[in-house]
Amino acid sequence: MKVNYGGTVSISTMDWTGKVVVTVFFRGCPLRCPYCQNHSYLEEPDMKELAFVQEQIKKSRPFVSAAVFSGGEPLMQAAIVPLAGFAKELGLFVGIHTNGYYPERAAELVEKGLVDKFFIDVKAPPNDPGLYGKVVGFGEYEAVRKSPEEIAAAVSRTIKVADSGTSELELRTTLIRDFIGSKEEVARIASWISENVKTQEVSYVLQQGVCEHSMQESLREIPFLDREEMLELGKVAKQFLENVRIRTTEEGEEEV
């Protein structure tokens, strides 16, 4: 089996709060979010044998407690299932960063007990397909082939799958000034989460979008929301959800 491989960070403390992890990046993604910082992973493939990627995980095993699979979009590849299984066999916790586009593969991982935590991007209110389409590049990039309605529905299903199992669940929204993340939009996302996610332990993280290296050049000069602005938006989300955090370049991760 081949893996469209993006790279490995052998030891990371950034990809799962409270854990030291090995992070494996995959290439490829069905979305084209204009603010994407990992767009170098989206075009040219780099196919590696499954055993090669397994060896990268194994090398880090003595120093980490978990493996995180990120991207790109890790659920785009069938190899995610044996890789997650391999990590579990090594005694590692498994985390999945996903945009929610592949609920069927998320369900397969849940059914096999291969995920300890899902980190799912909620890029806009899932009940507003038009806005969701804008944020994921629909109409701007030919690579985005499903309709906004289909994409938003897939994200909703992936969250439902994650919520139905025993995995921990973190939902995240990246906020970009004048693009996504007004007080009204944050309120609508947080309200949707409160109405559609059963687990009381769900955490909602607002991430400070830094567009310096974004895929869409017109966004690169946009100043990012500062910590105080992020904190105010966190307080908006806090009206609907108990566990809200912000991530900024100024102070890292903070509870609201």
Protein backbone atom coordinates (compact mmCIF):
# COMPACT_ATOMS: atom_id res chain seq x y z
CA MET A 1 0.00 0.00 0.00
CA LYS A 2 1.23 3.48 -0.91
CA VAL A 3 0.99 6.67 1.17
CA ASN A 4 0.88 10.18 -0.32
CA TYR A 5 3.41 11.40 2.20
CA GLY A 6 3.95 14.98 3.30
CA GLY A 7 6.52 14.58 6.06
CA THR A 8 6.99 13.79 9.74
CA VAL A 9 7.66 15.93 12.78
CA SER A 10 9.39 13.44 15.04
CA ILE A 11 8.61 15.22 18.31
CA SER A 12 5.88 17.85 18.62
CA THR A 13 4.15 19.51 21.56
CA MET A 14 1.93 21.65 19.30
CA ASP A 15 -0.46 19.15 17.74
CA TRP A 16 -2.18 17.69 20.82
CA THR A 17 -2.36 19.84 23.93
CA GLY A 18 -0.78 18.06 26.89
CA LYS A 19 0.92 15.33 24.86
CA VAL A 20 4.25 14.87 23.15
CA VAL A 21 3.51 13.36 19.76
CA VAL A 22 4.92 12.29 16.43
CA THR A 23 3.00 14.04 13.66
CA VAL A 24 2.67 12.56 10.19
CA PHE A 25 1.52 14.85 7.38
CA PHE A 26 -0.28 13.60 4.28
CA ARG A 27 -0.47 15.26 0.90
CA GLY A 28 -3.69 16.01 -0.92
CA CYS A 29 -6.96 17.65 0.09
CA PRO A 30 -10.39 17.94 -1.56
CA LEU A 31 -10.75 21.55 -0.34
CA ARG A 32 -8.88 24.73 -1.23
CA CYS A 33 -9.34 27.07 1.72
CA PRO A 34 -7.84 30.39 0.54
CA TYR A 35 -6.01 30.92 3.85
CA CYS A 36 -4.42 27.43 3.88
CA GLN A 37 -0.85 27.43 5.20
CA ASN A 38 -0.11 23.85 4.08
CA HIS A 39 -0.90 24.38 0.41
CA SER A 40 2.49 22.95 -0.58
CA TYR A 41 0.96 19.55 0.27
CA LEU A 42 -1.96 19.95 -2.10
CA GLU A 43 -0.58 19.45 -5.59
CA GLU A 44 2.48 17.29 -6.24
CA PRO A 45 2.19 13.75 -4.83
CA ASP A 46 5.04 11.98 -3.05
CA MET A 47 4.11 8.33 -2.84
CA LYS A 48 5.90 6.24 -0.22
CA GLU A 49 5.51 2.63 0.85
CA LEU A 50 3.43 2.08 3.97
CA ALA A 51 6.43 0.49 5.70
CA PHE A 52 8.45 3.68 5.24
CA VAL A 53 5.89 5.77 7.11
CA GLN A 54 5.51 3.11 9.79
CA GLU A 55 9.26 3.29 10.35
CA GLN A 56 9.05 7.08 10.88
CA ILE A 57 6.49 6.49 13.63
CA LYS A 58 8.51 3.67 15.15
CA LYS A 59 11.64 5.85 15.39
CA SER A 60 9.77 8.33 17.60
CA ARG A 61 8.12 5.71 19.79
CA PRO A 62 10.58 5.97 22.74
CA PHE A 63 10.01 9.73 23.02
CA VAL A 64 6.27 10.24 22.44
CA SER A 65 2.94 9.04 23.80
CA ALA A 66 0.81 9.61 20.70
CA ALA A 67 0.75 9.75 16.92
CA VAL A 68 -1.14 12.52 15.17
CA PHE A 69 -2.13 12.26 11.50
CA SER A 70 -2.58 15.59 9.76
CA GLY A 71 -2.36 17.08 6.30
CA GLY A 72 -3.52 17.96 3.82
CA GLU A 73 -6.35 15.66 4.66
CA PRO A 74 -5.40 12.33 6.26
CA LEU A 75 -8.80 10.69 5.80
CA MET A 76 -8.40 11.11 2.05
CA GLN A 77 -6.17 8.01 2.03
CA ALA A 78 -7.02 4.41 2.77
CA ALA A 79 -3.57 4.07 4.37
CA ILE A 80 -4.79 6.00 7.41
CA VAL A 81 -6.49 2.85 8.71
CA PRO A 82 -3.42 0.56 8.82
CA LEU A 83 -1.25 3.45 10.02
CA ALA A 84 -3.59 4.19 12.91
CA GLY A 85 -3.66 0.48 13.69
CA PHE A 86 0.14 0.35 13.63
CA ALA A 87 0.38 3.27 16.06
CA LYS A 88 -2.08 1.59 18.42
CA GLU A 89 -0.04 -1.64 18.28
CA LEU A 90 2.97 0.40 19.42
CA GLY A 91 0.96 1.52 22.44
CA LEU A 92 0.44 5.06 21.19
CA PHE A 93 -2.66 7.20 21.43
CA VAL A 94 -3.96 8.26 18.00
CA GLY A 95 -5.19 11.70 17.01
CA ILE A 96 -6.73 12.65 13.68
CA HIS A 97 -6.79 16.19 12.27
CA THR A 98 -9.54 16.32 9.65
CA ASN A 99 -11.67 18.75 7.69
CA GLY A 100 -14.64 16.38 7.99
CA TYR A 101 -14.96 15.62 4.29
CA TYR A 102 -14.83 11.83 4.69
CA PRO A 103 -17.38 10.65 7.28
CA GLU A 104 -17.27 7.04 6.03
CA ARG A 105 -13.56 6.72 6.76
CA ALA A 106 -14.03 8.40 10.14
CA ALA A 107 -16.72 5.80 10.87
CA GLU A 108 -14.37 2.95 9.90
CA LEU A 109 -11.74 4.22 12.33
CA VAL A 110 -14.30 4.58 15.11
CA GLU A 111 -15.71 1.11 14.51
CA LYS A 112 -12.21 -0.37 14.75
CA GLY A 113 -11.36 1.61 17.88
CA LEU A 114 -8.37 3.29 16.26
CA VAL A 115 -8.87 6.94 17.29
CA ASP A 116 -8.46 8.47 20.73
CA LYS A 117 -9.11 12.06 19.69
CA PHE A 118 -10.61 13.77 16.67
CA PHE A 119 -9.62 17.34 15.85
CA ILE A 120 -12.24 18.51 13.35
CA ASP A 121 -12.25 21.82 11.50
CA VAL A 122 -15.58 23.63 11.55
CA LYS A 123 -14.74 26.29 9.01
CA ALA A 124 -18.10 28.08 9.08
CA PRO A 125 -21.61 27.39 10.40
CA PRO A 126 -22.49 23.94 8.99
CA ASN A 127 -26.07 25.12 8.52
CA ASP A 128 -24.89 27.86 6.13
CA PRO A 129 -23.62 26.03 3.02
CA GLY A 130 -23.11 29.27 1.11
CA LEU A 131 -20.65 30.61 3.66
CA TYR A 132 -19.04 27.19 4.02
CA GLY A 133 -18.49 27.09 0.27
CA LYS A 134 -16.77 30.48 0.33
CA VAL A 135 -14.40 29.45 3.12
CA VAL A 136 -13.35 26.18 1.42
CA GLY A 137 -12.76 27.75 -1.99
CA PHE A 138 -15.85 26.53 -3.84
CA GLY A 139 -16.22 28.37 -7.14
CA GLU A 140 -12.66 29.71 -6.93
CA TYR A 141 -10.74 26.46 -7.35
CA GLU A 142 -11.65 23.61 -9.71
CA ALA A 143 -10.30 21.07 -7.20
CA VAL A 144 -13.37 21.68 -4.98
CA ARG A 145 -15.82 19.39 -6.74
CA LYS A 146 -18.59 18.75 -4.25
CA SER A 147 -21.27 21.36 -3.69
CA PRO A 148 -21.24 23.50 -0.54
CA GLU A 149 -24.34 21.63 0.61
CA GLU A 150 -22.55 18.28 0.24
CA ILE A 151 -19.45 19.53 2.02
CA ALA A 152 -21.34 21.01 4.97
CA ALA A 153 -23.41 17.83 5.26
CA ALA A 154 -20.25 15.68 5.27
CA VAL A 155 -18.73 17.78 8.05
CA SER A 156 -21.91 17.42 10.08
CA ARG A 157 -21.87 13.65 9.60
CA THR A 158 -18.19 13.38 10.56
CA ILE A 159 -18.85 15.30 13.77
CA LYS A 160 -21.81 13.02 14.51
CA VAL A 161 -19.60 9.94 13.94
CA ALA A 162 -16.91 11.28 16.26
CA ASP A 163 -19.51 12.25 18.83
CA SER A 164 -21.02 8.76 18.79
CA GLY A 165 -17.85 6.98 19.92
CA THR A 166 -15.60 7.18 22.93
CA SER A 167 -12.99 9.43 21.31
CA GLU A 168 -12.25 12.86 22.68
CA LEU A 169 -13.46 15.65 20.41
CA GLU A 170 -11.98 19.03 19.63
CA LEU A 171 -13.66 21.32 17.11
CA ARG A 172 -11.66 24.20 15.69
CA THR A 173 -12.32 27.32 13.64
CA THR A 174 -9.57 29.42 12.08
CA LEU A 175 -10.50 33.10 12.16
CA ILE A 176 -9.40 35.47 9.38
CA ARG A 177 -10.12 39.18 9.60
CA ASP A 178 -12.89 40.25 7.19
CA PHE A 179 -13.09 36.72 5.76
CA ILE A 180 -14.47 34.41 8.47
CA GLY A 181 -14.88 34.97 12.19
CA SER A 182 -17.17 37.91 12.92
CA LYS A 183 -18.97 37.86 16.26
CA GLU A 184 -22.16 36.77 14.52
CA GLU A 185 -20.41 33.94 12.66
CA VAL A 186 -18.65 32.68 15.80
CA ALA A 187 -21.97 32.76 17.65
CA ARG A 188 -23.66 30.77 14.90
CA ILE A 189 -20.94 28.12 14.87
CA ALA A 190 -20.89 27.80 18.66
CA SER A 191 -24.68 27.65 18.76
CA TRP A 192 -24.69 24.88 16.13
CA ILE A 193 -22.15 22.90 18.15
CA SER A 194 -24.17 23.27 21.36
CA GLU A 195 -27.27 21.99 19.59
CA ASN A 196 -25.66 19.13 17.65
CA VAL A 197 -22.87 17.69 19.81
CA LYS A 198 -23.89 15.48 22.73
CA THR A 199 -20.64 15.04 24.57
CA GLN A 200 -20.26 17.59 27.33
CA GLU A 201 -16.47 17.37 27.13
CA VAL A 202 -16.28 18.75 23.58
CA SER A 203 -13.79 21.60 23.33
CA TYR A 204 -14.07 24.45 20.88
CA VAL A 205 -10.88 26.23 19.85
CA LEU A 206 -10.68 29.53 18.00
CA GLN A 207 -7.41 29.71 16.09
CA GLN A 208 -5.74 32.97 15.08
CA GLY A 209 -5.36 32.79 11.33
CA VAL A 210 -2.00 34.17 10.18
CA CYS A 211 -2.17 34.65 6.42
CA GLU A 212 1.44 35.53 5.62
CA HIS A 213 1.88 32.30 3.66
CA SER A 214 -1.72 31.69 2.62
CA MET A 215 -2.58 30.05 -0.68
CA GLN A 216 -4.54 33.10 -1.88
CA GLU A 217 -2.11 35.96 -2.32
CA SER A 218 -4.74 38.65 -1.68
CA LEU A 219 -5.03 37.45 1.93
CA ARG A 220 -1.33 37.65 2.72
CA GLU A 221 -1.36 41.32 3.71
CA ILE A 222 -4.39 41.04 5.99
CA PRO A 223 -3.40 41.74 9.63
CA PHE A 224 -4.32 38.87 11.92
CA LEU A 225 -6.76 39.31 14.78
CA ASP A 226 -4.79 40.20 17.89
CA ARG A 227 -5.09 38.41 21.22
CA GLU A 228 -7.64 40.85 22.66
CA GLU A 229 -9.87 40.50 19.61
CA MET A 230 -9.56 36.73 19.79
CA LEU A 231 -10.45 36.79 23.48
CA GLU A 232 -13.59 38.81 22.76
CA LEU A 233 -14.62 36.27 20.13
CA GLY A 234 -13.89 33.49 22.60
CA LYS A 235 -16.30 35.14 25.04
CA VAL A 236 -18.96 35.08 22.32
CA ALA A 237 -18.50 31.32 21.91
CA LYS A 238 -18.49 30.90 25.69
CA GLN A 239 -22.13 32.00 25.75
CA PHE A 240 -22.98 28.67 24.12
CA LEU A 241 -20.22 26.25 25.16
CA GLU A 242 -18.45 25.42 28.40
CA ASN A 243 -14.99 24.52 27.10
CA VAL A 244 -13.69 27.31 24.86
CA ARG A 245 -10.05 28.14 24.14
CA ILE A 246 -8.14 30.53 21.90
CA ARG A 247 -4.78 29.98 20.20
CA THR A 248 -2.66 33.03 19.40
CA THR A 249 0.92 33.81 18.51
CA GLU A 250 1.08 36.14 21.50
CA GLU A 251 0.15 33.77 24.33
CA GLY A 252 -0.28 30.32 22.81
CA GLU A 253 -3.34 28.42 24.02
CA GLU A 254 -5.58 29.94 26.68
CA GLU A 255 -8.88 28.99 28.26
CA VAL A 256 -11.65 31.56 27.94
